[in-house]
Amino acid sequence: APAKEREFVVAINWSGSSTYSTNSIKDL
């Protein structure tokens, strides 16, 4: 975001079988 540091949102493994996200966006 403007004037903010880059932040992690979500990641996915090579096959798509596993993901990881921050709690704030997990359901969105």
PDB file of all heavy atoms in Angstrom:
ATOM      1  N   ALA A   1       0.842  -1.187   0.000  1.00  0.00           N
ATOM      2  CA  ALA A   1       0.000   0.000   0.000  1.00  0.00           C
ATOM      3  C   ALA A   1       0.882   1.243   0.000  1.00  0.00           C
ATOM      4  O   ALA A   1       2.055   1.180   0.387  1.00  0.00           O
ATOM      5  CB  ALA A   1      -0.912  -0.016   1.221  1.00  0.00           C
ATOM      6  N   PRO A   2       0.341   2.380  -0.415  1.00  0.00           N
ATOM      7  CA  PRO A   2       1.123   3.617  -0.431  1.00  0.00           C
ATOM      8  C   PRO A   2       1.734   3.923   0.935  1.00  0.00           C
ATOM      9  O   PRO A   2       1.051   3.823   1.957  1.00  0.00           O
ATOM     10  CB  PRO A   2       0.085   4.672  -0.818  1.00  0.00           C
ATOM     11  CG  PRO A   2      -0.942   3.924  -1.583  1.00  0.00           C
ATOM     12  CD  PRO A   2      -1.016   2.568  -0.956  1.00  0.00           C
ATOM     13  N   ALA A   3       3.002   4.240   0.930  1.00  0.00           N
ATOM     14  CA  ALA A   3       3.741   4.621   2.132  1.00  0.00           C
ATOM     15  C   ALA A   3       3.830   3.504   3.157  1.00  0.00           C
ATOM     16  O   ALA A   3       4.101   3.763   4.343  1.00  0.00           O
ATOM     17  CB  ALA A   3       3.126   5.863   2.769  1.00  0.00           C
ATOM     18  N   LYS A   4       3.613   2.266   2.726  1.00  0.00           N
ATOM     19  CA  LYS A   4       3.723   1.135   3.642  1.00  0.00           C
ATOM     20  C   LYS A   4       4.680   0.100   3.075  1.00  0.00           C
ATOM     21  O   LYS A   4       4.960   0.080   1.877  1.00  0.00           O
ATOM     22  CB  LYS A   4       2.357   0.501   3.882  1.00  0.00           C
ATOM     23  CG  LYS A   4       1.392   1.370   4.665  1.00  0.00           C
ATOM     24  CD  LYS A   4       0.140   0.602   5.030  1.00  0.00           C
ATOM     25  CE  LYS A   4      -0.792   1.445   5.888  1.00  0.00           C
ATOM     26  NZ  LYS A   4      -2.011   0.692   6.276  1.00  0.00           N
ATOM     27  N   GLU A   5       5.172  -0.760   3.940  1.00  0.00           N
ATOM     28  CA  GLU A   5       6.055  -1.823   3.495  1.00  0.00           C
ATOM     29  C   GLU A   5       5.248  -2.916   2.796  1.00  0.00           C
ATOM     30  O   GLU A   5       4.064  -3.110   3.069  1.00  0.00           O
ATOM     31  CB  GLU A   5       6.817  -2.401   4.681  1.00  0.00           C
ATOM     32  CG  GLU A   5       7.811  -1.442   5.296  1.00  0.00           C
ATOM     33  CD  GLU A   5       8.679  -2.111   6.344  1.00  0.00           C
ATOM     34  OE1 GLU A   5       8.433  -3.279   6.658  1.00  0.00           O
ATOM     35  OE2 GLU A   5       9.604  -1.441   6.838  1.00  0.00           O
ATOM     36  N   ARG A   6       5.921  -3.614   1.937  1.00  0.00           N
ATOM     37  CA  ARG A   6       5.289  -4.748   1.266  1.00  0.00           C
ATOM     38  C   ARG A   6       4.941  -5.818   2.291  1.00  0.00           C
ATOM     39  O   ARG A   6       5.749  -6.106   3.190  1.00  0.00           O
ATOM     40  CB  ARG A   6       6.224  -5.298   0.200  1.00  0.00           C
ATOM     41  CG  ARG A   6       5.633  -6.389  -0.668  1.00  0.00           C
ATOM     42  CD  ARG A   6       6.504  -6.613  -1.882  1.00  0.00           C
ATOM     43  NE  ARG A   6       7.878  -6.899  -1.521  1.00  0.00           N
ATOM     44  CZ  ARG A   6       8.881  -6.911  -2.395  1.00  0.00           C
ATOM     45  NH1 ARG A   6       8.656  -6.636  -3.661  1.00  0.00           N
ATOM     46  NH2 ARG A   6      10.102  -7.208  -1.995  1.00  0.00           N
ATOM     47  N   GLU A   7       3.770  -6.413   2.173  1.00  0.00           N
ATOM     48  CA  GLU A   7       3.347  -7.409   3.146  1.00  0.00           C
ATOM     49  C   GLU A   7       2.868  -8.672   2.455  1.00  0.00           C
ATOM     50  O   GLU A   7       2.307  -8.652   1.352  1.00  0.00           O
ATOM     51  CB  GLU A   7       2.239  -6.854   4.048  1.00  0.00           C
ATOM     52  CG  GLU A   7       0.933  -6.563   3.341  1.00  0.00           C
ATOM     53  CD  GLU A   7      -0.194  -6.206   4.303  1.00  0.00           C
ATOM     54  OE1 GLU A   7      -0.035  -6.381   5.530  1.00  0.00           O
ATOM     55  OE2 GLU A   7      -1.261  -5.774   3.818  1.00  0.00           O
ATOM     56  N   PHE A   8       3.078  -9.775   3.136  1.00  0.00           N
ATOM     57  CA  PHE A   8       2.638 -11.077   2.661  1.00  0.00           C
ATOM     58  C   PHE A   8       1.127 -11.185   2.739  1.00  0.00           C
ATOM     59  O   PHE A   8       0.505 -10.715   3.690  1.00  0.00           O
ATOM     60  CB  PHE A   8       3.284 -12.166   3.516  1.00  0.00           C
ATOM     61  CG  PHE A   8       2.717 -13.544   3.298  1.00  0.00           C
ATOM     62  CD1 PHE A   8       3.076 -14.282   2.191  1.00  0.00           C
ATOM     63  CD2 PHE A   8       1.836 -14.093   4.218  1.00  0.00           C
ATOM     64  CE1 PHE A   8       2.562 -15.559   1.996  1.00  0.00           C
ATOM     65  CE2 PHE A   8       1.316 -15.354   4.040  1.00  0.00           C
ATOM     66  CZ  PHE A   8       1.676 -16.101   2.921  1.00  0.00           C
ATOM     67  N   VAL A   9       0.548 -11.844   1.722  1.00  0.00           N
ATOM     68  CA  VAL A   9      -0.890 -12.076   1.721  1.00  0.00           C
ATOM     69  C   VAL A   9      -1.197 -13.569   1.829  1.00  0.00           C
ATOM     70  O   VAL A   9      -1.872 -14.016   2.748  1.00  0.00           O
ATOM     71  CB  VAL A   9      -1.544 -11.493   0.453  1.00  0.00           C
ATOM     72  CG1 VAL A   9      -3.037 -11.825   0.416  1.00  0.00           C
ATOM     73  CG2 VAL A   9      -1.336  -9.985   0.382  1.00  0.00           C
ATOM     74  N   VAL A  10      -0.680 -14.341   0.873  1.00  0.00           N
ATOM     75  CA  VAL A  10      -1.014 -15.764   0.841  1.00  0.00           C
ATOM     76  C   VAL A  10      -0.006 -16.479  -0.042  1.00  0.00           C
ATOM     77  O   VAL A  10       0.605 -15.866  -0.925  1.00  0.00           O
ATOM     78  CB  VAL A  10      -2.464 -15.964   0.318  1.00  0.00           C
ATOM     79  CG1 VAL A  10      -2.601 -15.471  -1.112  1.00  0.00           C
ATOM     80  CG2 VAL A  10      -2.923 -17.404   0.449  1.00  0.00           C
ATOM     81  N   ALA A  11       0.204 -17.774   0.209  1.00  0.00           N
ATOM     82  CA  ALA A  11       1.102 -18.580  -0.606  1.00  0.00           C
ATOM     83  C   ALA A  11       0.468 -19.943  -0.894  1.00  0.00           C
ATOM     84  O   ALA A  11      -0.423 -20.389  -0.161  1.00  0.00           O
ATOM     85  CB  ALA A  11       2.449 -18.764   0.088  1.00  0.00           C
ATOM     86  N   ILE A  12       0.970 -20.587  -1.942  1.00  0.00           N
ATOM     87  CA  ILE A  12       0.439 -21.886  -2.358  1.00  0.00           C
ATOM     88  C   ILE A  12       1.595 -22.782  -2.753  1.00  0.00           C
ATOM     89  O   ILE A  12       2.588 -22.306  -3.312  1.00  0.00           O
ATOM     90  CB  ILE A  12      -0.572 -21.692  -3.523  1.00  0.00           C
ATOM     91  CG1 ILE A  12      -1.324 -22.989  -3.829  1.00  0.00           C
ATOM     92  CG2 ILE A  12       0.119 -21.133  -4.767  1.00  0.00           C
ATOM     93  CD1 ILE A  12      -2.518 -22.767  -4.767  1.00  0.00           C
ATOM     94  N   ASN A  13       1.472 -24.076  -2.475  1.00  0.00           N
ATOM     95  CA  ASN A  13       2.558 -24.978  -2.831  1.00  0.00           C
ATOM     96  C   ASN A  13       2.505 -25.309  -4.325  1.00  0.00           C
ATOM     97  O   ASN A  13       1.609 -24.887  -5.055  1.00  0.00           O
ATOM     98  CB  ASN A  13       2.527 -26.237  -1.966  1.00  0.00           C
ATOM     99  CG  ASN A  13       1.378 -27.177  -2.311  1.00  0.00           C
ATOM    100  OD1 ASN A  13       0.372 -26.761  -2.897  1.00  0.00           O
ATOM    101  ND2 ASN A  13       1.531 -28.436  -1.956  1.00  0.00           N
ATOM    102  N   TRP A  14       3.433 -26.131  -4.773  1.00  0.00           N
ATOM    103  CA  TRP A  14       3.587 -26.373  -6.201  1.00  0.00           C
ATOM    104  C   TRP A  14       2.361 -27.018  -6.835  1.00  0.00           C
ATOM    105  O   TRP A  14       2.027 -26.741  -7.979  1.00  0.00           O
ATOM    106  CB  TRP A  14       4.808 -27.269  -6.451  1.00  0.00           C
ATOM    107  CG  TRP A  14       4.648 -28.659  -5.925  1.00  0.00           C
ATOM    108  CD1 TRP A  14       4.918 -29.098  -4.663  1.00  0.00           C
ATOM    109  CD2 TRP A  14       4.125 -29.795  -6.621  1.00  0.00           C
ATOM    110  NE1 TRP A  14       4.599 -30.421  -4.532  1.00  0.00           N
ATOM    111  CE2 TRP A  14       4.123 -30.885  -5.727  1.00  0.00           C
ATOM    112  CE3 TRP A  14       3.673 -30.003  -7.924  1.00  0.00           C
ATOM    113  CZ2 TRP A  14       3.684 -32.148  -6.087  1.00  0.00           C
ATOM    114  CZ3 TRP A  14       3.235 -31.266  -8.299  1.00  0.00           C
ATOM    115  CH2 TRP A  14       3.237 -32.316  -7.378  1.00  0.00           C
ATOM    116  N   SER A  15       1.669 -27.867  -6.093  1.00  0.00           N
ATOM    117  CA  SER A  15       0.545 -28.597  -6.669  1.00  0.00           C
ATOM    118  C   SER A  15      -0.797 -27.908  -6.437  1.00  0.00           C
ATOM    119  O   SER A  15      -1.796 -28.270  -7.065  1.00  0.00           O
ATOM    120  CB  SER A  15       0.481 -29.998  -6.070  1.00  0.00           C
ATOM    121  OG  SER A  15       0.124 -29.933  -4.700  1.00  0.00           O
ATOM    122  N   GLY A  16      -0.821 -26.969  -5.514  1.00  0.00           N
ATOM    123  CA  GLY A  16      -2.086 -26.335  -5.164  1.00  0.00           C
ATOM    124  C   GLY A  16      -2.818 -27.014  -4.031  1.00  0.00           C
ATOM    125  O   GLY A  16      -3.916 -26.606  -3.673  1.00  0.00           O
ATOM    126  N   SER A  17      -2.215 -28.021  -3.438  1.00  0.00           N
ATOM    127  CA  SER A  17      -2.872 -28.789  -2.385  1.00  0.00           C
ATOM    128  C   SER A  17      -2.747 -28.142  -1.008  1.00  0.00           C
ATOM    129  O   SER A  17      -3.447 -28.536  -0.067  1.00  0.00           O
ATOM    130  CB  SER A  17      -2.292 -30.201  -2.322  1.00  0.00           C
ATOM    131  OG  SER A  17      -0.916 -30.150  -1.980  1.00  0.00           O
ATOM    132  N   SER A  18      -1.868 -27.165  -0.873  1.00  0.00           N
ATOM    133  CA  SER A  18      -1.629 -26.535   0.416  1.00  0.00           C
ATOM    134  C   SER A  18      -1.465 -25.036   0.243  1.00  0.00           C
ATOM    135  O   SER A  18      -0.781 -24.586  -0.677  1.00  0.00           O
ATOM    136  CB  SER A  18      -0.376 -27.120   1.064  1.00  0.00           C
ATOM    137  OG  SER A  18      -0.109 -26.503   2.299  1.00  0.00           O
ATOM    138  N   THR A  19      -2.105 -24.290   1.129  1.00  0.00           N
ATOM    139  CA  THR A  19      -1.974 -22.834   1.101  1.00  0.00           C
ATOM    140  C   THR A  19      -1.714 -22.323   2.513  1.00  0.00           C
ATOM    141  O   THR A  19      -1.930 -23.042   3.503  1.00  0.00           O
ATOM    142  CB  THR A  19      -3.232 -22.154   0.541  1.00  0.00           C
ATOM    143  OG1 THR A  19      -4.336 -22.405   1.417  1.00  0.00           O
ATOM    144  CG2 THR A  19      -3.565 -22.665  -0.854  1.00  0.00           C
ATOM    145  N   TYR A  20      -1.263 -21.102   2.582  1.00  0.00           N
ATOM    146  CA  TYR A  20      -1.028 -20.455   3.873  1.00  0.00           C
ATOM    147  C   TYR A  20      -1.305 -18.976   3.713  1.00  0.00           C
ATOM    148  O   TYR A  20      -0.865 -18.353   2.745  1.00  0.00           O
ATOM    149  CB  TYR A  20       0.410 -20.665   4.332  1.00  0.00           C
ATOM    150  CG  TYR A  20       0.718 -20.030   5.656  1.00  0.00           C
ATOM    151  CD1 TYR A  20       0.389 -20.667   6.845  1.00  0.00           C
ATOM    152  CD2 TYR A  20       1.336 -18.788   5.715  1.00  0.00           C
ATOM    153  CE1 TYR A  20       0.675 -20.081   8.067  1.00  0.00           C
ATOM    154  CE2 TYR A  20       1.618 -18.195   6.934  1.00  0.00           C
ATOM    155  CZ  TYR A  20       1.289 -18.841   8.108  1.00  0.00           C
ATOM    156  OH  TYR A  20       1.555 -18.253   9.314  1.00  0.00           O
ATOM    157  N   SER A  21      -2.042 -18.413   4.663  1.00  0.00           N
ATOM    158  CA  SER A  21      -2.358 -16.991   4.547  1.00  0.00           C
ATOM    159  C   SER A  21      -2.362 -16.344   5.919  1.00  0.00           C
ATOM    160  O   SER A  21      -2.362 -17.027   6.954  1.00  0.00           O
ATOM    161  CB  SER A  21      -3.726 -16.812   3.888  1.00  0.00           C
ATOM    162  OG  SER A  21      -4.737 -17.445   4.651  1.00  0.00           O
ATOM    163  N   THR A  22      -2.382 -15.042   5.912  1.00  0.00           N
ATOM    164  CA  THR A  22      -2.504 -14.324   7.172  1.00  0.00           C
ATOM    165  C   THR A  22      -3.919 -14.474   7.703  1.00  0.00           C
ATOM    166  O   THR A  22      -4.868 -14.669   6.935  1.00  0.00           O
ATOM    167  CB  THR A  22      -2.196 -12.835   6.969  1.00  0.00           C
ATOM    168  OG1 THR A  22      -3.140 -12.305   6.030  1.00  0.00           O
ATOM    169  CG2 THR A  22      -0.792 -12.633   6.447  1.00  0.00           C
ATOM    170  N   ASN A  23      -4.051 -14.377   9.022  1.00  0.00           N
ATOM    171  CA  ASN A  23      -5.368 -14.567   9.627  1.00  0.00           C
ATOM    172  C   ASN A  23      -6.374 -13.529   9.146  1.00  0.00           C
ATOM    173  O   ASN A  23      -7.553 -13.811   9.020  1.00  0.00           O
ATOM    174  CB  ASN A  23      -5.253 -14.508  11.149  1.00  0.00           C
ATOM    175  CG  ASN A  23      -4.593 -15.744  11.713  1.00  0.00           C
ATOM    176  OD1 ASN A  23      -4.689 -16.829  11.138  1.00  0.00           O
ATOM    177  ND2 ASN A  23      -3.915 -15.588  12.837  1.00  0.00           N
ATOM    178  N   SER A  24      -5.871 -12.344   8.856  1.00  0.00           N
ATOM    179  CA  SER A  24      -6.791 -11.260   8.510  1.00  0.00           C
ATOM    180  C   SER A  24      -7.507 -11.483   7.194  1.00  0.00           C
ATOM    181  O   SER A  24      -8.585 -10.957   6.973  1.00  0.00           O
ATOM    182  CB  SER A  24      -6.036  -9.931   8.484  1.00  0.00           C
ATOM    183  OG  SER A  24      -5.046  -9.966   7.481  1.00  0.00           O
ATOM    184  N   ILE A  25      -6.916 -12.246   6.303  1.00  0.00           N
ATOM    185  CA  ILE A  25      -7.535 -12.415   4.983  1.00  0.00           C
ATOM    186  C   ILE A  25      -7.973 -13.848   4.720  1.00  0.00           C
ATOM    187  O   ILE A  25      -8.486 -14.131   3.651  1.00  0.00           O
ATOM    188  CB  ILE A  25      -6.599 -11.939   3.862  1.00  0.00           C
ATOM    189  CG1 ILE A  25      -5.353 -12.810   3.796  1.00  0.00           C
ATOM    190  CG2 ILE A  25      -6.205 -10.497   4.043  1.00  0.00           C
ATOM    191  CD1 ILE A  25      -5.410 -13.867   2.722  1.00  0.00           C
ATOM    192  N   LYS A  26      -7.788 -14.706   5.685  1.00  0.00           N
ATOM    193  CA  LYS A  26      -7.972 -16.139   5.467  1.00  0.00           C
ATOM    194  C   LYS A  26      -9.329 -16.473   4.863  1.00  0.00           C
ATOM    195  O   LYS A  26      -9.454 -17.339   4.015  1.00  0.00           O
ATOM    196  CB  LYS A  26      -7.773 -16.884   6.779  1.00  0.00           C
ATOM    197  CG  LYS A  26      -7.765 -18.407   6.636  1.00  0.00           C
ATOM    198  CD  LYS A  26      -7.323 -19.069   7.916  1.00  0.00           C
ATOM    199  CE  LYS A  26      -5.863 -18.793   8.182  1.00  0.00           C
ATOM    200  NZ  LYS A  26      -5.365 -19.548   9.367  1.00  0.00           N
ATOM    201  N   ASP A  27     -10.363 -15.845   5.309  1.00  0.00           N
ATOM    202  CA  ASP A  27     -11.705 -16.188   4.824  1.00  0.00           C
ATOM    203  C   ASP A  27     -12.171 -15.294   3.684  1.00  0.00           C
ATOM    204  O   ASP A  27     -13.281 -15.461   3.193  1.00  0.00           O
ATOM    205  CB  ASP A  27     -12.713 -16.093   5.968  1.00  0.00           C
ATOM    206  CG  ASP A  27     -12.430 -17.086   7.073  1.00  0.00           C
ATOM    207  OD1 ASP A  27     -11.994 -18.208   6.765  1.00  0.00           O
ATOM    208  OD2 ASP A  27     -12.625 -16.733   8.248  1.00  0.00           O
ATOM    209  N   LEU A  28     -11.322 -14.371   3.271  1.00  0.00           N
ATOM    210  CA  LEU A  28     -11.734 -13.407   2.260  1.00  0.00           C
ATOM    211  C   LEU A  28     -11.000 -13.589   0.938  1.00  0.00           C
ATOM    212  O   LEU A  28     -11.571 -13.362  -0.123  1.00  0.00           O
ATOM    213  CB  LEU A  28     -11.496 -11.989   2.779  1.00  0.00           C
ATOM    214  CG  LEU A  28     -12.248 -11.616   4.054  1.00  0.00           C
ATOM    215  CD1 LEU A  28     -11.854 -10.223   4.512  1.00  0.00           C
ATOM    216  CD2 LEU A  28     -13.749 -11.702   3.850  1.00  0.00           C
TER     217      LEU A  28
END
